[in-house]
N, C-alpha and C. Protein backbone atom coordinates (compact mmCIF):
# COMPACT_ATOMS: atom_id res chain seq x y z
N MET A 1 96.53 38.89 -244.63
CA MET A 1 95.43 38.15 -244.04
C MET A 1 95.21 36.99 -244.46
N THR A 2 94.96 35.95 -243.70
CA THR A 2 94.93 34.59 -244.11
C THR A 2 93.54 34.18 -244.83
N LYS A 3 93.51 32.89 -245.39
CA LYS A 3 92.51 32.78 -246.34
C LYS A 3 91.18 32.48 -244.98
N ALA A 4 91.62 31.68 -243.82
CA ALA A 4 90.78 31.32 -242.98
C ALA A 4 90.11 32.51 -242.41
N LYS A 5 90.87 33.71 -242.23
CA LYS A 5 90.26 34.95 -241.61
C LYS A 5 89.13 35.45 -242.71
N LEU A 6 89.56 35.74 -243.85
CA LEU A 6 88.84 36.06 -244.88
C LEU A 6 87.54 35.42 -244.94
N LEU A 7 87.78 33.97 -244.96
CA LEU A 7 86.38 33.31 -245.02
C LEU A 7 85.60 33.29 -243.71
N SER A 8 86.22 33.49 -242.64
CA SER A 8 85.33 33.68 -241.43
C SER A 8 84.75 34.94 -241.42
N TYR A 9 85.36 36.08 -241.97
CA TYR A 9 84.72 37.59 -242.33
C TYR A 9 83.63 37.57 -243.22
N LEU A 10 83.83 36.78 -244.40
CA LEU A 10 82.75 36.58 -245.13
C LEU A 10 81.59 35.84 -245.00
N LEU A 11 81.78 34.89 -243.87
CA LEU A 11 80.82 34.08 -243.61
C LEU A 11 79.92 34.67 -242.48
N VAL A 12 80.52 35.60 -241.55
CA VAL A 12 79.85 36.30 -240.40
C VAL A 12 78.93 37.25 -241.35
N GLY A 13 79.73 38.10 -242.07
CA GLY A 13 78.95 39.10 -242.94
C GLY A 13 77.74 38.46 -243.70
N PHE A 14 77.83 37.55 -244.29
CA PHE A 14 76.77 36.88 -244.97
C PHE A 14 75.61 36.28 -243.92
N LEU A 15 75.93 35.59 -242.91
CA LEU A 15 75.24 35.28 -241.95
C LEU A 15 74.46 36.38 -241.17
N SER A 16 74.87 37.80 -241.47
CA SER A 16 74.46 38.72 -240.63
C SER A 16 73.32 39.59 -241.36
N LEU A 17 73.17 39.14 -242.87
CA LEU A 17 72.32 39.92 -243.63
C LEU A 17 70.86 39.87 -243.29
N PRO A 18 70.43 38.80 -242.93
CA PRO A 18 68.95 38.66 -242.57
C PRO A 18 68.51 39.69 -241.39
N TYR A 19 69.73 39.69 -240.43
CA TYR A 19 69.45 40.69 -239.12
C TYR A 19 69.49 42.36 -239.70
N VAL A 20 70.28 42.34 -240.55
CA VAL A 20 70.26 43.98 -240.83
C VAL A 20 69.04 44.17 -241.86
N ALA A 21 68.64 43.23 -242.58
CA ALA A 21 67.57 43.62 -243.33
C ALA A 21 66.03 43.98 -242.49
N ALA A 22 66.01 42.98 -241.47
CA ALA A 22 64.79 42.83 -240.49
C ALA A 22 64.94 43.94 -239.70
N ALA A 23 66.13 44.63 -239.60
CA ALA A 23 66.29 45.47 -238.23
C ALA A 23 65.44 46.77 -238.13
N ALA A 24 65.04 47.39 -239.43
CA ALA A 24 64.18 48.68 -239.37
C ALA A 24 64.85 49.66 -238.46
N ILE A 25 66.00 49.96 -239.07
CA ILE A 25 67.00 51.11 -238.33
C ILE A 25 66.43 52.32 -238.45
N VAL A 26 66.07 52.68 -239.38
CA VAL A 26 65.52 54.15 -240.05
C VAL A 26 64.14 54.25 -239.58
N PRO A 27 63.80 55.15 -238.37
CA PRO A 27 62.66 55.33 -238.14
C PRO A 27 61.65 56.10 -238.88
N CYS A 28 62.37 56.83 -239.98
CA CYS A 28 61.06 57.85 -240.52
C CYS A 28 61.41 57.47 -242.27
N THR A 29 60.70 57.69 -242.97
CA THR A 29 60.62 57.61 -244.35
C THR A 29 60.65 58.92 -245.23
N ASP A 30 59.88 60.03 -244.78
CA ASP A 30 59.82 61.28 -245.68
C ASP A 30 60.79 62.45 -244.88
N SER A 31 60.06 63.03 -244.23
CA SER A 31 60.53 64.24 -243.63
C SER A 31 61.17 63.94 -242.07
N CYS A 32 62.44 63.86 -241.85
CA CYS A 32 63.04 63.56 -240.79
C CYS A 32 63.18 64.77 -239.61
N THR A 33 62.93 64.59 -238.30
CA THR A 33 63.04 65.71 -237.48
C THR A 33 64.25 65.32 -236.45
N PHE A 34 64.82 66.27 -235.69
CA PHE A 34 65.84 65.95 -234.61
C PHE A 34 65.26 64.63 -233.70
N LYS A 35 64.10 64.62 -233.44
CA LYS A 35 63.65 63.36 -232.70
C LYS A 35 64.02 61.97 -233.43
N GLU A 36 63.76 62.06 -234.78
CA GLU A 36 64.01 60.71 -235.39
C GLU A 36 65.60 60.76 -235.76
N LEU A 37 66.18 61.61 -235.56
CA LEU A 37 67.80 61.41 -235.60
C LEU A 37 68.22 60.64 -234.52
N GLY A 38 67.69 61.12 -233.33
CA GLY A 38 68.02 60.65 -232.00
C GLY A 38 67.45 59.01 -231.91
N ALA A 39 66.50 58.79 -232.52
CA ALA A 39 65.85 57.39 -232.66
C ALA A 39 66.64 56.73 -233.50
N LEU A 40 67.13 57.12 -234.72
CA LEU A 40 68.12 56.55 -235.58
C LEU A 40 69.48 56.12 -234.76
N VAL A 41 70.03 56.99 -234.21
CA VAL A 41 71.30 56.72 -233.54
C VAL A 41 71.11 55.81 -232.37
N LYS A 42 69.94 55.79 -231.76
CA LYS A 42 69.62 54.68 -230.49
C LYS A 42 69.31 53.24 -231.36
N ASN A 43 68.73 53.53 -232.41
CA ASN A 43 68.44 52.23 -233.17
C ASN A 43 69.87 51.34 -233.51
N LEU A 44 70.92 52.42 -233.86
CA LEU A 44 72.08 51.83 -234.54
C LEU A 44 72.79 51.31 -233.35
N ILE A 45 72.93 51.84 -232.42
CA ILE A 45 73.67 51.55 -231.12
C ILE A 45 72.94 50.25 -230.67
N ASP A 46 71.75 50.18 -230.60
CA ASP A 46 71.14 49.03 -229.95
C ASP A 46 71.33 47.81 -230.88
N PHE A 47 71.16 47.98 -232.26
CA PHE A 47 71.53 47.13 -233.17
C PHE A 47 72.96 46.52 -232.99
N PHE A 48 73.88 47.23 -232.96
CA PHE A 48 75.35 46.76 -232.93
C PHE A 48 75.72 46.05 -231.73
N THR A 49 75.02 46.66 -230.67
CA THR A 49 75.37 46.03 -229.44
C THR A 49 74.73 44.86 -229.11
N LEU A 50 73.46 44.58 -229.33
CA LEU A 50 72.79 43.51 -229.10
C LEU A 50 72.84 42.32 -230.07
N LYS A 51 72.95 42.68 -231.51
CA LYS A 51 72.74 41.87 -232.67
C LYS A 51 74.07 41.45 -233.14
N VAL A 52 75.09 42.34 -232.96
CA VAL A 52 76.43 42.12 -233.34
C VAL A 52 77.35 41.79 -232.31
N ALA A 53 77.73 42.58 -231.57
CA ALA A 53 78.89 42.66 -230.49
C ALA A 53 78.29 41.47 -229.62
N ALA A 54 77.34 41.40 -228.91
CA ALA A 54 76.96 40.42 -228.18
C ALA A 54 77.00 39.03 -228.48
N PRO A 55 76.61 38.68 -229.59
CA PRO A 55 76.95 37.21 -230.34
C PRO A 55 78.36 36.78 -230.42
N ILE A 56 78.95 37.78 -231.02
CA ILE A 56 80.61 37.69 -231.19
C ILE A 56 81.28 37.65 -229.87
N GLY A 57 80.79 38.39 -228.95
CA GLY A 57 81.55 38.33 -227.46
C GLY A 57 81.24 37.00 -226.91
N LEU A 58 80.05 36.48 -226.98
CA LEU A 58 79.71 35.13 -226.43
C LEU A 58 80.29 34.14 -227.01
N ILE A 59 80.59 34.25 -228.41
CA ILE A 59 81.32 33.17 -229.26
C ILE A 59 82.62 33.12 -229.05
N SER A 60 83.18 34.38 -228.59
CA SER A 60 84.67 34.40 -228.24
C SER A 60 84.82 33.79 -226.79
N VAL A 61 83.89 33.90 -225.75
CA VAL A 61 84.23 33.57 -224.74
C VAL A 61 84.04 32.01 -224.64
N THR A 62 83.03 31.37 -225.65
CA THR A 62 82.83 29.87 -225.59
C THR A 62 84.18 29.35 -226.15
N ILE A 63 84.78 30.04 -226.99
CA ILE A 63 86.09 29.56 -227.62
C ILE A 63 87.20 29.55 -226.89
N SER A 64 87.03 30.54 -226.08
CA SER A 64 88.26 30.70 -224.94
C SER A 64 88.00 29.63 -223.90
N GLY A 65 86.92 29.22 -223.55
CA GLY A 65 86.58 28.28 -222.63
C GLY A 65 87.16 26.81 -223.13
N ILE A 66 86.63 26.76 -224.33
CA ILE A 66 87.16 25.47 -225.07
C ILE A 66 88.49 25.22 -225.28
N LEU A 67 89.24 26.40 -225.79
CA LEU A 67 90.84 26.51 -225.81
C LEU A 67 91.36 26.19 -224.47
N TYR A 68 90.79 26.73 -223.20
CA TYR A 68 91.46 26.29 -222.05
C TYR A 68 91.15 25.02 -221.65
N VAL A 69 89.96 24.45 -221.81
CA VAL A 69 89.69 23.23 -221.53
C VAL A 69 90.84 22.02 -222.44
N MET A 70 90.99 22.48 -223.47
CA MET A 70 91.84 21.76 -224.44
C MET A 70 93.22 21.82 -224.46
N ALA A 71 93.58 22.83 -223.53
CA ALA A 71 94.98 23.15 -223.12
C ALA A 71 95.66 21.91 -222.49
N ALA A 72 95.00 21.33 -221.59
CA ALA A 72 95.57 20.11 -220.69
C ALA A 72 96.74 20.41 -220.20
N GLY A 73 97.05 21.39 -219.47
CA GLY A 73 98.16 21.56 -218.87
C GLY A 73 99.25 22.38 -219.57
N ASP A 74 99.04 22.69 -220.64
CA ASP A 74 100.19 23.61 -221.35
C ASP A 74 99.96 25.04 -220.90
N PRO A 75 100.80 25.66 -220.38
CA PRO A 75 100.73 26.99 -219.97
C PRO A 75 100.42 27.90 -220.92
N GLY A 76 101.15 27.72 -222.39
CA GLY A 76 101.13 28.68 -223.28
C GLY A 76 99.78 28.63 -223.75
N GLN A 77 99.05 27.41 -224.11
CA GLN A 77 97.72 27.58 -224.57
C GLN A 77 96.72 28.00 -223.34
N ALA A 78 97.15 27.77 -222.20
CA ALA A 78 96.15 28.22 -221.11
C ALA A 78 95.91 29.88 -221.17
N ASN A 79 97.34 30.27 -221.13
CA ASN A 79 97.43 31.85 -221.25
C ASN A 79 96.76 32.55 -222.41
N LYS A 80 96.79 31.63 -223.65
CA LYS A 80 96.29 32.23 -224.70
C LYS A 80 94.71 32.41 -224.66
N ALA A 81 94.29 31.08 -223.96
CA ALA A 81 92.85 31.10 -223.61
C ALA A 81 92.32 32.14 -222.69
N LYS A 82 92.98 32.49 -221.74
CA LYS A 82 92.76 33.42 -220.66
C LYS A 82 92.85 34.86 -221.36
N GLU A 83 93.79 35.15 -222.19
CA GLU A 83 93.75 36.38 -222.96
C GLU A 83 92.58 36.52 -223.78
N ILE A 84 92.10 35.63 -224.61
CA ILE A 84 91.05 35.77 -225.41
C ILE A 84 89.86 35.89 -224.53
N LEU A 85 89.60 35.17 -223.30
CA LEU A 85 88.68 35.65 -222.42
C LEU A 85 88.59 37.02 -221.89
N TRP A 86 89.80 37.73 -221.71
CA TRP A 86 89.85 38.96 -221.22
C TRP A 86 89.47 39.97 -222.13
N TYR A 87 90.03 39.77 -223.45
CA TYR A 87 89.76 40.55 -224.42
C TYR A 87 88.19 40.55 -224.76
N SER A 88 87.58 39.40 -224.79
CA SER A 88 86.27 39.07 -225.07
C SER A 88 85.40 39.94 -224.01
N VAL A 89 85.76 39.75 -222.64
CA VAL A 89 84.68 40.31 -221.74
C VAL A 89 84.92 41.86 -221.51
N GLY A 90 86.34 42.34 -222.11
CA GLY A 90 86.46 43.87 -222.30
C GLY A 90 85.72 44.35 -223.26
N GLY A 91 85.76 43.70 -224.51
CA GLY A 91 84.95 44.20 -225.69
C GLY A 91 83.37 44.23 -225.46
N LEU A 92 82.99 43.24 -224.53
CA LEU A 92 81.40 43.36 -224.26
C LEU A 92 81.34 44.39 -223.31
N ALA A 93 82.02 44.62 -222.17
CA ALA A 93 81.78 45.68 -221.53
C ALA A 93 82.06 47.04 -222.09
N LEU A 94 82.97 47.21 -223.14
CA LEU A 94 83.05 48.31 -223.73
C LEU A 94 81.78 48.67 -224.60
N ALA A 95 81.39 47.54 -225.31
CA ALA A 95 80.10 47.85 -226.15
C ALA A 95 78.90 48.31 -225.36
N PHE A 96 78.81 47.45 -224.33
CA PHE A 96 77.50 47.79 -223.45
C PHE A 96 77.50 49.23 -222.50
N GLY A 97 79.04 49.38 -222.16
CA GLY A 97 79.22 50.89 -221.56
C GLY A 97 78.86 51.80 -222.57
N ALA A 98 79.43 51.60 -223.99
CA ALA A 98 79.02 52.89 -225.00
C ALA A 98 77.46 52.81 -225.27
N GLN A 99 76.72 51.63 -225.09
CA GLN A 99 75.27 51.76 -225.32
C GLN A 99 74.67 52.42 -224.13
N LEU A 100 74.93 52.21 -222.88
CA LEU A 100 74.62 52.93 -221.69
C LEU A 100 74.72 54.45 -221.95
N LEU A 101 76.06 54.74 -222.20
CA LEU A 101 76.41 56.09 -222.48
C LEU A 101 75.48 56.77 -223.44
N ILE A 102 75.60 56.42 -224.60
CA ILE A 102 74.87 56.88 -225.74
C ILE A 102 73.39 56.98 -225.52
N ASN A 103 72.75 55.89 -224.79
CA ASN A 103 71.00 56.13 -224.56
C ASN A 103 70.89 56.89 -223.37
N THR A 104 71.76 57.11 -222.36
CA THR A 104 71.57 58.06 -221.57
C THR A 104 71.77 59.56 -221.91
N ILE A 105 72.91 59.86 -223.03
CA ILE A 105 72.68 61.24 -223.56
C ILE A 105 71.53 61.48 -224.36
N LEU A 106 71.21 60.41 -225.08
CA LEU A 106 69.92 60.65 -226.17
C LEU A 106 68.58 60.85 -225.06
N ASP A 107 68.46 60.12 -224.04
CA ASP A 107 67.57 60.38 -222.99
C ASP A 107 67.45 61.74 -222.42
N LEU A 108 68.56 62.37 -221.97
CA LEU A 108 68.76 63.82 -221.66
C LEU A 108 68.41 64.76 -222.57
N PHE A 109 68.97 64.64 -224.02
CA PHE A 109 69.04 65.73 -224.69
C PHE A 109 67.86 65.63 -225.96
N ALA A 110 67.59 64.26 -226.33
CA ALA A 110 66.74 64.31 -227.38
C ALA A 110 65.34 63.68 -226.99
N SER A 111 64.92 63.74 -225.59
CA SER A 111 63.59 63.32 -225.40
C SER A 111 62.73 64.69 -225.59
N GLU A 112 61.41 64.15 -225.40
CA GLU A 112 60.08 65.12 -225.90
C GLU A 112 60.31 66.42 -225.29
N GLY A 113 60.57 66.45 -223.93
CA GLY A 113 60.39 67.78 -223.24
C GLY A 113 61.76 68.59 -223.08
N SER A 114 62.92 67.97 -223.47
CA SER A 114 63.94 68.62 -223.30
C SER A 114 64.14 70.13 -224.23
N GLY A 115 64.85 71.04 -223.92
CA GLY A 115 64.84 72.35 -224.60
C GLY A 115 65.50 72.12 -225.94
N LEU A 116 66.58 71.07 -226.17
CA LEU A 116 67.13 70.97 -227.33
C LEU A 116 66.29 70.50 -228.59
N VAL A 117 65.34 69.54 -228.28
CA VAL A 117 64.34 69.27 -229.35
C VAL A 117 63.55 70.26 -229.52
N ASN A 118 62.98 71.10 -228.52
CA ASN A 118 62.00 72.10 -228.91
C ASN A 118 62.62 73.39 -229.54
N LYS A 119 64.04 73.75 -229.47
CA LYS A 119 64.47 74.53 -230.36
C LYS A 119 64.72 74.15 -231.64
N ALA A 120 65.28 72.91 -231.91
CA ALA A 120 65.39 72.50 -233.24
C ALA A 120 64.06 72.41 -233.97
N LEU A 121 62.99 72.23 -233.49
CA LEU A 121 61.63 72.35 -234.14
C LEU A 121 61.38 73.94 -234.42
């Protein structure tokens, strides 16, 4: 791992600390039920999708656009920029697809009227 990568990982980690501290991810304090477990999973997925994956994906898309403009006719640099763009869009699609899938499953099985929650209580 190069020093630049390590420094960028540390910088992103350091800048994300206020978001993690203010996220209020854990919904219960004393006795947690199955309903709060579902809320915890939903909060975690929402946090990582909206507060972590979306900004990183948008920054990657922006960087790929800058690289594409700066390629100035160099096919190698233009292909590198296109590759970064496709991986960024694919990562965003994967993150939001996972959020949609998990939230759908939680709404089906961990909602107030579902049999799974009533049996766990």
